[in-house]
Amino acid sequence: MLRHEGQEASLTGREFQLLGFLLDHPHRFFSVDKICGRAWTNPDISPELVRNYVLRIRRILARLEIPCEVVNRPGRGYSLIFRAAG
């Protein structure tokens, strides 16, 4: 469960693990391969599935209006970037 300012959203186990990994390494970029090998105990997840989990987390963060987002930089990978609350 993810809670923010009185709102909440349920996450699957893999969504929770991915978000936790990104929270542990904010503002650092990770390739899909590194995410598979470090965020989950089973690295046999397809790149398409990683992108699907990222999309789902992006939607949850936006819906809860949490001041951060998962960004993708070509050649660098994905990162959780915090922005000033406003």
C-alpha atoms as a PDB file:
ATOM      1  CA  MET A   1       0.000   0.000   0.000  1.00  0.00           C
ATOM      2  CA  LEU A   2       1.247   3.467  -0.905  1.00  0.00           C
ATOM      3  CA  ARG A   3      -0.218   6.420   0.991  1.00  0.00           C
ATOM      4  CA  HIS A   4       0.142  10.143   0.404  1.00  0.00           C
ATOM      5  CA  GLU A   5      -1.864  13.007   1.923  1.00  0.00           C
ATOM      6  CA  GLY A   6      -4.894  10.903   2.768  1.00  0.00           C
ATOM      7  CA  GLN A   7      -4.965   9.002  -0.520  1.00  0.00           C
ATOM      8  CA  GLU A   8      -3.796   5.450  -1.052  1.00  0.00           C
ATOM      9  CA  ALA A   9      -3.127   2.953  -3.795  1.00  0.00           C
ATOM     10  CA  SER A  10      -2.433  -0.753  -3.785  1.00  0.00           C
ATOM     11  CA  LEU A  11       0.710  -1.985  -5.462  1.00  0.00           C
ATOM     12  CA  THR A  12       1.569  -5.459  -6.635  1.00  0.00           C
ATOM     13  CA  GLY A  13       4.632  -7.112  -5.153  1.00  0.00           C
ATOM     14  CA  ARG A  14       6.750  -6.300  -8.195  1.00  0.00           C
ATOM     15  CA  GLU A  15       5.540  -2.701  -8.338  1.00  0.00           C
ATOM     16  CA  PHE A  16       6.425  -2.338  -4.652  1.00  0.00           C
ATOM     17  CA  GLN A  17       9.892  -3.829  -5.201  1.00  0.00           C
ATOM     18  CA  LEU A  18      10.597  -1.582  -8.192  1.00  0.00           C
ATOM     19  CA  LEU A  19       9.415   1.558  -6.413  1.00  0.00           C
ATOM     20  CA  GLY A  20      11.429   0.601  -3.324  1.00  0.00           C
ATOM     21  CA  PHE A  21      14.553   0.100  -5.445  1.00  0.00           C
ATOM     22  CA  LEU A  22      14.108   3.475  -7.135  1.00  0.00           C
ATOM     23  CA  LEU A  23      13.433   5.151  -3.773  1.00  0.00           C
ATOM     24  CA  ASP A  24      16.676   3.684  -2.437  1.00  0.00           C
ATOM     25  CA  HIS A  25      18.558   5.226  -5.398  1.00  0.00           C
ATOM     26  CA  PRO A  26      16.839   8.526  -6.242  1.00  0.00           C
ATOM     27  CA  HIS A  27      18.186  10.626  -9.110  1.00  0.00           C
ATOM     28  CA  ARG A  28      20.330   7.699 -10.354  1.00  0.00           C
ATOM     29  CA  PHE A  29      19.614   6.074 -13.680  1.00  0.00           C
ATOM     30  CA  PHE A  30      19.400   2.318 -14.207  1.00  0.00           C
ATOM     31  CA  SER A  31      19.104   0.326 -17.406  1.00  0.00           C
ATOM     32  CA  VAL A  32      16.387  -2.284 -17.768  1.00  0.00           C
ATOM     33  CA  ASP A  33      19.021  -5.005 -17.267  1.00  0.00           C
ATOM     34  CA  LYS A  34      20.240  -3.448 -14.029  1.00  0.00           C
ATOM     35  CA  ILE A  35      16.685  -3.008 -12.784  1.00  0.00           C
ATOM     36  CA  CYS A  36      15.920  -6.655 -13.531  1.00  0.00           C
ATOM     37  CA  GLY A  37      19.033  -7.821 -11.720  1.00  0.00           C
ATOM     38  CA  ARG A  38      18.770  -5.526  -8.709  1.00  0.00           C
ATOM     39  CA  ALA A  39      15.102  -4.667  -8.118  1.00  0.00           C
ATOM     40  CA  TRP A  40      13.771  -8.198  -8.326  1.00  0.00           C
ATOM     41  CA  THR A  41      15.097 -11.563  -7.264  1.00  0.00           C
ATOM     42  CA  ASN A  42      14.102 -12.991 -10.663  1.00  0.00           C
ATOM     43  CA  PRO A  43      16.107 -11.241 -13.378  1.00  0.00           C
ATOM     44  CA  ASP A  44      14.235 -13.105 -16.155  1.00  0.00           C
ATOM     45  CA  ILE A  45      11.755 -10.291 -16.684  1.00  0.00           C
ATOM     46  CA  SER A  46      11.370  -8.977 -20.210  1.00  0.00           C
ATOM     47  CA  PRO A  47      12.137  -5.330 -21.017  1.00  0.00           C
ATOM     48  CA  GLU A  48       8.504  -4.912 -22.060  1.00  0.00           C
ATOM     49  CA  LEU A  49       7.345  -6.051 -18.621  1.00  0.00           C
ATOM     50  CA  VAL A  50       9.727  -3.589 -16.944  1.00  0.00           C
ATOM     51  CA  ARG A  51       8.263  -0.787 -19.064  1.00  0.00           C
ATOM     52  CA  ASN A  52       4.778  -1.948 -18.062  1.00  0.00           C
ATOM     53  CA  TYR A  53       5.646  -1.769 -14.347  1.00  0.00           C
ATOM     54  CA  VAL A  54       7.199   1.686 -14.844  1.00  0.00           C
ATOM     55  CA  LEU A  55       4.039   2.893 -16.577  1.00  0.00           C
ATOM     56  CA  ARG A  56       1.869   1.566 -13.756  1.00  0.00           C
ATOM     57  CA  ILE A  57       4.040   3.243 -11.108  1.00  0.00           C
ATOM     58  CA  ARG A  58       3.958   6.525 -13.054  1.00  0.00           C
ATOM     59  CA  ARG A  59       0.163   6.419 -13.073  1.00  0.00           C
ATOM     60  CA  ILE A  60      -0.008   5.707  -9.338  1.00  0.00           C
ATOM     61  CA  LEU A  61       2.406   8.533  -8.482  1.00  0.00           C
ATOM     62  CA  ALA A  62       0.427  10.957 -10.661  1.00  0.00           C
ATOM     63  CA  ARG A  63      -2.935   9.875  -9.245  1.00  0.00           C
ATOM     64  CA  LEU A  64      -1.718  10.331  -5.671  1.00  0.00           C
ATOM     65  CA  GLU A  65      -0.069  13.634  -6.658  1.00  0.00           C
ATOM     66  CA  ILE A  66       3.265  12.592  -5.181  1.00  0.00           C
ATOM     67  CA  PRO A  67       5.931  15.151  -6.191  1.00  0.00           C
ATOM     68  CA  CYS A  68       8.165  12.722  -8.044  1.00  0.00           C
ATOM     69  CA  GLU A  69       8.189  10.863 -11.315  1.00  0.00           C
ATOM     70  CA  VAL A  70       9.913   7.971 -13.000  1.00  0.00           C
ATOM     71  CA  VAL A  71      11.794   9.383 -15.971  1.00  0.00           C
ATOM     72  CA  ASN A  72      13.591   7.646 -18.804  1.00  0.00           C
ATOM     73  CA  ARG A  73      16.709   8.999 -20.465  1.00  0.00           C
ATOM     74  CA  PRO A  74      17.785   7.220 -23.658  1.00  0.00           C
ATOM     75  CA  GLY A  75      21.082   5.459 -23.115  1.00  0.00           C
ATOM     76  CA  ARG A  76      20.898   5.954 -19.337  1.00  0.00           C
ATOM     77  CA  GLY A  77      17.717   4.205 -18.203  1.00  0.00           C
ATOM     78  CA  TYR A  78      15.081   4.953 -15.584  1.00  0.00           C
ATOM     79  CA  SER A  79      15.288   7.105 -12.482  1.00  0.00           C
ATOM     80  CA  LEU A  80      13.000   8.386  -9.748  1.00  0.00           C
ATOM     81  CA  ILE A  81      13.253  12.174  -9.762  1.00  0.00           C
ATOM     82  CA  PHE A  82      11.796  14.278  -6.966  1.00  0.00           C
ATOM     83  CA  ARG A  83      10.537  17.770  -7.666  1.00  0.00           C
ATOM     84  CA  ALA A  84       9.628  20.600  -5.322  1.00  0.00           C
ATOM     85  CA  ALA A  85       6.147  20.214  -3.884  1.00  0.00           C
ATOM     86  CA  GLY A  86       3.923  23.009  -4.964  1.00  0.00           C
END
